[in-house]
């Protein structure tokens, strides 16, 4: 099994929402994702999708998008993003997923070569811009949820690598010490994958190793609309 990741698919949700308003690179973007996916991913591989899957507002509207993803090769593990308004209950989401797909919500999943866990995350405070009261509350709640997911992952891992999915960045190129990174470092996580950043915001993301943990931004436009392989061996 090989492990791949690609986030922020932003499928149409049944409204044929044009994405090229965000730049010409988004023209027919899922066509390019599908072509690259089918070229790279084998049925025995796993693809992690850390959020912003569909623009749908209701679960029924998202089902065609989920089916489109389900027809692609490999096992898929999904996480909720900030635009996934259709995802109101992980139990209901799991009930409609095609075979070979599962969903995480501050939980963990054994996928064979590693254990993957995750939570959506939230905005992080920066040196010049502390969070307001409401955002600070959500930030701390998501840290607690990450801790729950890591608890489950450690129980399942039995020495295997732990890979964490978050939708929001748990750190940035400038801000590398957060509640999220503190928890990740305590648990000796192998790799963290996140999305959410697009366009000019991509430059804010951190790709590399910090305190022994590998971080990778995998929003689809940051990786050329092509699933990226995530190595689990020591480099």
Protein backbone atom coordinates (compact mmCIF):
# COMPACT_ATOMS: atom_id res chain seq x y z
CA UNK A 1 0.00 0.00 0.00
CA UNK A 2 1.16 3.51 -0.83
CA UNK A 3 -0.28 6.59 0.82
CA UNK A 4 -1.39 9.67 -1.14
CA UNK A 5 -3.09 12.93 -0.16
CA UNK A 6 -5.02 15.69 -1.87
CA UNK A 7 -7.34 18.19 -0.21
CA UNK A 8 -9.83 20.90 -1.09
CA UNK A 9 -11.40 19.16 -4.07
CA UNK A 10 -14.25 21.69 -4.01
CA UNK A 11 -16.60 19.64 -6.16
CA UNK A 12 -19.70 21.38 -7.41
CA UNK A 13 -22.38 20.05 -5.05
CA UNK A 14 -24.83 19.71 -7.91
CA UNK A 15 -24.81 23.40 -8.87
CA UNK A 16 -22.05 23.19 -11.47
CA UNK A 17 -20.24 25.90 -9.52
CA UNK A 18 -17.52 27.42 -11.74
CA UNK A 19 -14.16 27.37 -10.02
CA UNK A 20 -12.22 29.34 -12.63
CA UNK A 21 -13.34 32.53 -10.85
CA UNK A 22 -10.44 31.67 -8.51
CA UNK A 23 -7.99 31.61 -11.43
CA UNK A 24 -7.54 29.84 -14.77
CA UNK A 25 -5.78 26.94 -13.06
CA UNK A 26 -9.17 25.95 -11.63
CA UNK A 27 -10.82 25.51 -15.05
CA UNK A 28 -12.21 21.93 -15.15
CA UNK A 29 -10.00 21.19 -12.18
CA UNK A 30 -11.62 17.89 -11.25
CA UNK A 31 -10.95 16.57 -14.75
CA UNK A 32 -7.24 17.17 -14.14
CA UNK A 33 -7.43 15.68 -10.64
CA UNK A 34 -9.15 12.56 -12.00
CA UNK A 35 -6.61 12.11 -14.80
CA UNK A 36 -3.69 12.42 -12.39
CA UNK A 37 -5.36 10.22 -9.78
CA UNK A 38 -6.07 7.42 -12.24
CA UNK A 39 -2.50 7.60 -13.53
CA UNK A 40 -0.88 7.36 -10.09
CA UNK A 41 -3.13 5.58 -7.61
CA UNK A 42 -3.61 1.82 -7.58
CA UNK A 43 -6.58 -0.02 -6.04
CA UNK A 44 -4.50 -1.13 -3.04
CA UNK A 45 -3.38 2.43 -2.22
CA UNK A 46 -5.02 4.88 0.21
CA UNK A 47 -5.80 8.55 -0.50
CA UNK A 48 -6.34 11.03 2.34
CA UNK A 49 -8.64 14.00 1.65
CA UNK A 50 -8.41 16.65 4.41
CA UNK A 51 -11.57 18.64 3.86
CA UNK A 52 -13.49 21.02 1.60
CA UNK A 53 -14.75 18.17 -0.50
CA UNK A 54 -18.00 19.58 -1.92
CA UNK A 55 -19.80 22.91 -2.15
CA UNK A 56 -23.10 21.12 -1.41
CA UNK A 57 -25.24 22.55 1.38
CA UNK A 58 -27.15 19.33 2.16
CA UNK A 59 -25.93 15.73 2.40
CA UNK A 60 -28.16 14.54 -0.45
CA UNK A 61 -26.62 17.16 -2.73
CA UNK A 62 -23.13 15.92 -1.85
CA UNK A 63 -23.81 12.27 -2.69
CA UNK A 64 -23.02 12.59 -6.44
CA UNK A 65 -19.68 14.21 -5.56
CA UNK A 66 -18.91 11.43 -3.07
CA UNK A 67 -19.80 8.86 -5.73
CA UNK A 68 -17.45 10.54 -8.22
CA UNK A 69 -14.64 10.25 -5.68
CA UNK A 70 -15.65 6.69 -4.90
CA UNK A 71 -15.20 5.66 -8.53
CA UNK A 72 -11.54 6.63 -8.42
CA UNK A 73 -8.91 4.00 -7.53
CA UNK A 74 -7.85 3.33 -3.96
CA UNK A 75 -9.28 3.56 -0.51
CA UNK A 76 -10.28 7.08 0.56
CA UNK A 77 -10.31 8.65 4.02
CA UNK A 78 -12.23 11.94 4.32
CA UNK A 79 -12.12 14.78 6.82
CA UNK A 80 -14.50 17.72 7.20
CA UNK A 81 -13.43 21.18 6.00
CA UNK A 82 -14.83 24.60 6.78
CA UNK A 83 -16.88 24.65 3.55
CA UNK A 84 -18.37 21.17 3.99
CA UNK A 85 -21.73 22.47 5.20
CA UNK A 86 -23.39 19.22 4.07
CA UNK A 87 -21.42 17.32 6.74
CA UNK A 88 -23.63 17.75 9.80
CA UNK A 89 -23.19 14.26 11.28
CA UNK A 90 -20.31 11.88 10.68
CA UNK A 91 -22.67 8.96 11.29
CA UNK A 92 -24.95 10.09 8.45
CA UNK A 93 -21.97 10.75 6.20
CA UNK A 94 -20.62 7.25 6.76
CA UNK A 95 -24.02 5.78 5.91
CA UNK A 96 -23.96 7.20 2.35
CA UNK A 97 -20.29 6.73 1.50
CA UNK A 98 -19.48 4.36 -1.37
CA UNK A 99 -17.54 1.18 -0.58
CA UNK A 100 -13.88 1.78 0.17
CA UNK A 101 -14.44 5.21 1.73
CA UNK A 102 -14.52 6.25 5.36
CA UNK A 103 -14.81 9.51 7.27
CA UNK A 104 -12.92 10.81 10.30
CA UNK A 105 -14.19 13.30 12.83
CA UNK A 106 -11.73 13.71 15.73
CA UNK A 107 -11.20 9.97 15.42
CA UNK A 108 -8.67 7.46 14.05
CA UNK A 109 -8.56 4.71 11.42
CA UNK A 110 -6.17 1.79 10.97
CA UNK A 111 -5.23 1.69 7.29
CA UNK A 112 -2.58 -1.01 7.46
CA UNK A 113 0.84 0.55 7.06
CA UNK A 114 -0.03 3.37 9.45
CA UNK A 115 -2.83 4.83 11.53
CA UNK A 116 -4.47 8.06 10.38
CA UNK A 117 -6.39 10.39 12.65
CA UNK A 118 -7.65 13.92 12.47
CA UNK A 119 -9.84 16.86 13.28
CA UNK A 120 -10.79 19.98 11.34
CA UNK A 121 -8.68 22.45 13.31
CA UNK A 122 -9.24 26.20 13.44
CA UNK A 123 -7.53 29.54 13.02
CA UNK A 124 -4.31 29.89 14.99
CA UNK A 125 -3.15 32.99 16.85
CA UNK A 126 -0.22 34.91 15.42
CA UNK A 127 2.30 37.17 17.08
CA UNK A 128 0.61 40.31 15.78
CA UNK A 129 -2.98 39.08 15.76
CA UNK A 130 -4.28 37.18 18.79
CA UNK A 131 -7.62 35.46 18.36
CA UNK A 132 -10.86 37.04 19.48
CA UNK A 133 -12.89 35.40 22.22
CA UNK A 134 -15.08 33.29 19.90
CA UNK A 135 -12.17 32.07 17.76
CA UNK A 136 -10.05 31.37 20.85
CA UNK A 137 -12.82 29.13 22.18
CA UNK A 138 -13.01 27.19 18.89
CA UNK A 139 -9.21 26.94 18.70
CA UNK A 140 -9.05 25.37 22.14
CA UNK A 141 -11.99 23.07 21.41
CA UNK A 142 -10.28 21.78 18.29
CA UNK A 143 -7.08 21.19 20.26
CA UNK A 144 -9.10 19.02 22.64
CA UNK A 145 -10.56 17.15 19.68
CA UNK A 146 -7.11 16.58 18.23
CA UNK A 147 -6.07 15.14 21.58
CA UNK A 148 -9.01 12.71 21.46
CA UNK A 149 -8.07 11.64 17.93
CA UNK A 150 -4.46 11.10 18.98
CA UNK A 151 -5.62 9.00 21.96
CA UNK A 152 -7.43 6.68 19.55
CA UNK A 153 -4.53 6.63 17.13
CA UNK A 154 -2.01 5.63 19.79
CA UNK A 155 -4.26 2.78 20.89
CA UNK A 156 -4.40 1.44 17.33
CA UNK A 157 -0.85 2.17 16.18
CA UNK A 158 1.20 -0.38 18.16
CA UNK A 159 4.44 1.20 17.00
CA UNK A 160 3.36 2.05 13.47
CA UNK A 161 3.52 5.62 12.15
CA UNK A 162 0.70 8.01 13.04
CA UNK A 163 -0.40 10.35 10.25
CA UNK A 164 -2.60 13.32 11.19
CA UNK A 165 -5.06 15.07 8.88
CA UNK A 166 -6.27 18.59 9.65
CA UNK A 167 -8.11 20.97 7.37
CA UNK A 168 -6.80 24.22 8.82
CA UNK A 169 -3.02 24.63 9.07
CA UNK A 170 -1.78 23.64 12.54
CA UNK A 171 1.16 25.98 11.99
CA UNK A 172 2.41 28.44 9.37
CA UNK A 173 5.77 29.36 7.94
CA UNK A 174 5.96 32.14 10.53
CA UNK A 175 4.05 30.64 13.48
CA UNK A 176 5.31 27.18 14.40
CA UNK A 177 4.38 26.95 18.08
CA UNK A 178 0.65 26.39 18.62
CA UNK A 179 -1.59 24.24 20.81
CA UNK A 180 -1.77 21.84 17.86
CA UNK A 181 1.98 21.50 17.37
CA UNK A 182 2.44 21.02 21.13
CA UNK A 183 0.08 18.02 21.09
CA UNK A 184 1.58 16.61 17.89
CA UNK A 185 5.08 16.75 19.35
CA UNK A 186 3.99 15.10 22.60
CA UNK A 187 2.68 12.10 20.64
CA UNK A 188 5.67 11.84 18.26
CA UNK A 189 3.45 12.01 15.18
CA UNK A 190 5.14 11.02 11.91
CA UNK A 191 3.40 13.29 9.38
CA UNK A 192 0.75 16.02 9.40
CA UNK A 193 -1.27 16.85 6.27
CA UNK A 194 -3.42 19.94 5.94
CA UNK A 195 -5.18 22.08 3.33
CA UNK A 196 -7.30 25.25 3.36
CA UNK A 197 -4.67 27.56 1.86
CA UNK A 198 -5.10 28.68 -1.75
CA UNK A 199 -3.67 31.21 -4.18
CA UNK A 200 -1.44 33.73 -2.49
CA UNK A 201 -2.14 32.05 0.84
CA UNK A 202 -0.14 29.00 -0.21
CA UNK A 203 3.05 30.88 0.63
CA UNK A 204 1.92 31.06 4.27
CA UNK A 205 1.98 27.27 4.57
CA UNK A 206 4.86 25.34 6.07
CA UNK A 207 6.26 22.33 4.19
CA UNK A 208 9.09 20.54 5.89
CA UNK A 209 10.21 19.07 9.19
CA UNK A 210 9.62 20.87 12.47
CA UNK A 211 10.56 19.26 15.79
CA UNK A 212 10.87 15.90 14.04
CA UNK A 213 7.41 16.00 12.43
CA UNK A 214 6.88 16.21 8.67
CA UNK A 215 4.30 18.81 7.64
CA UNK A 216 2.77 18.98 4.16
CA UNK A 217 0.25 21.38 2.62
CA UNK A 218 -1.92 19.34 0.21
CA UNK A 219 -4.67 21.71 -0.95
CA UNK A 220 -5.16 20.64 -4.56
CA UNK A 221 -3.92 23.85 -6.19
CA UNK A 222 -0.79 23.85 -4.01
CA UNK A 223 0.19 20.43 -5.43
CA UNK A 224 -0.77 20.94 -9.06
CA UNK A 225 -4.16 19.17 -8.81
CA UNK A 226 -2.31 15.89 -8.49
CA UNK A 227 -2.38 13.50 -5.50
CA UNK A 228 1.00 13.56 -3.79
CA UNK A 229 2.58 10.44 -2.36
CA UNK A 230 3.31 10.59 1.37
CA UNK A 231 6.40 8.55 2.36
CA UNK A 232 6.18 6.59 5.59
CA UNK A 233 9.78 5.39 5.63
CA UNK A 234 12.43 7.42 7.37
CA UNK A 235 14.12 9.82 4.97
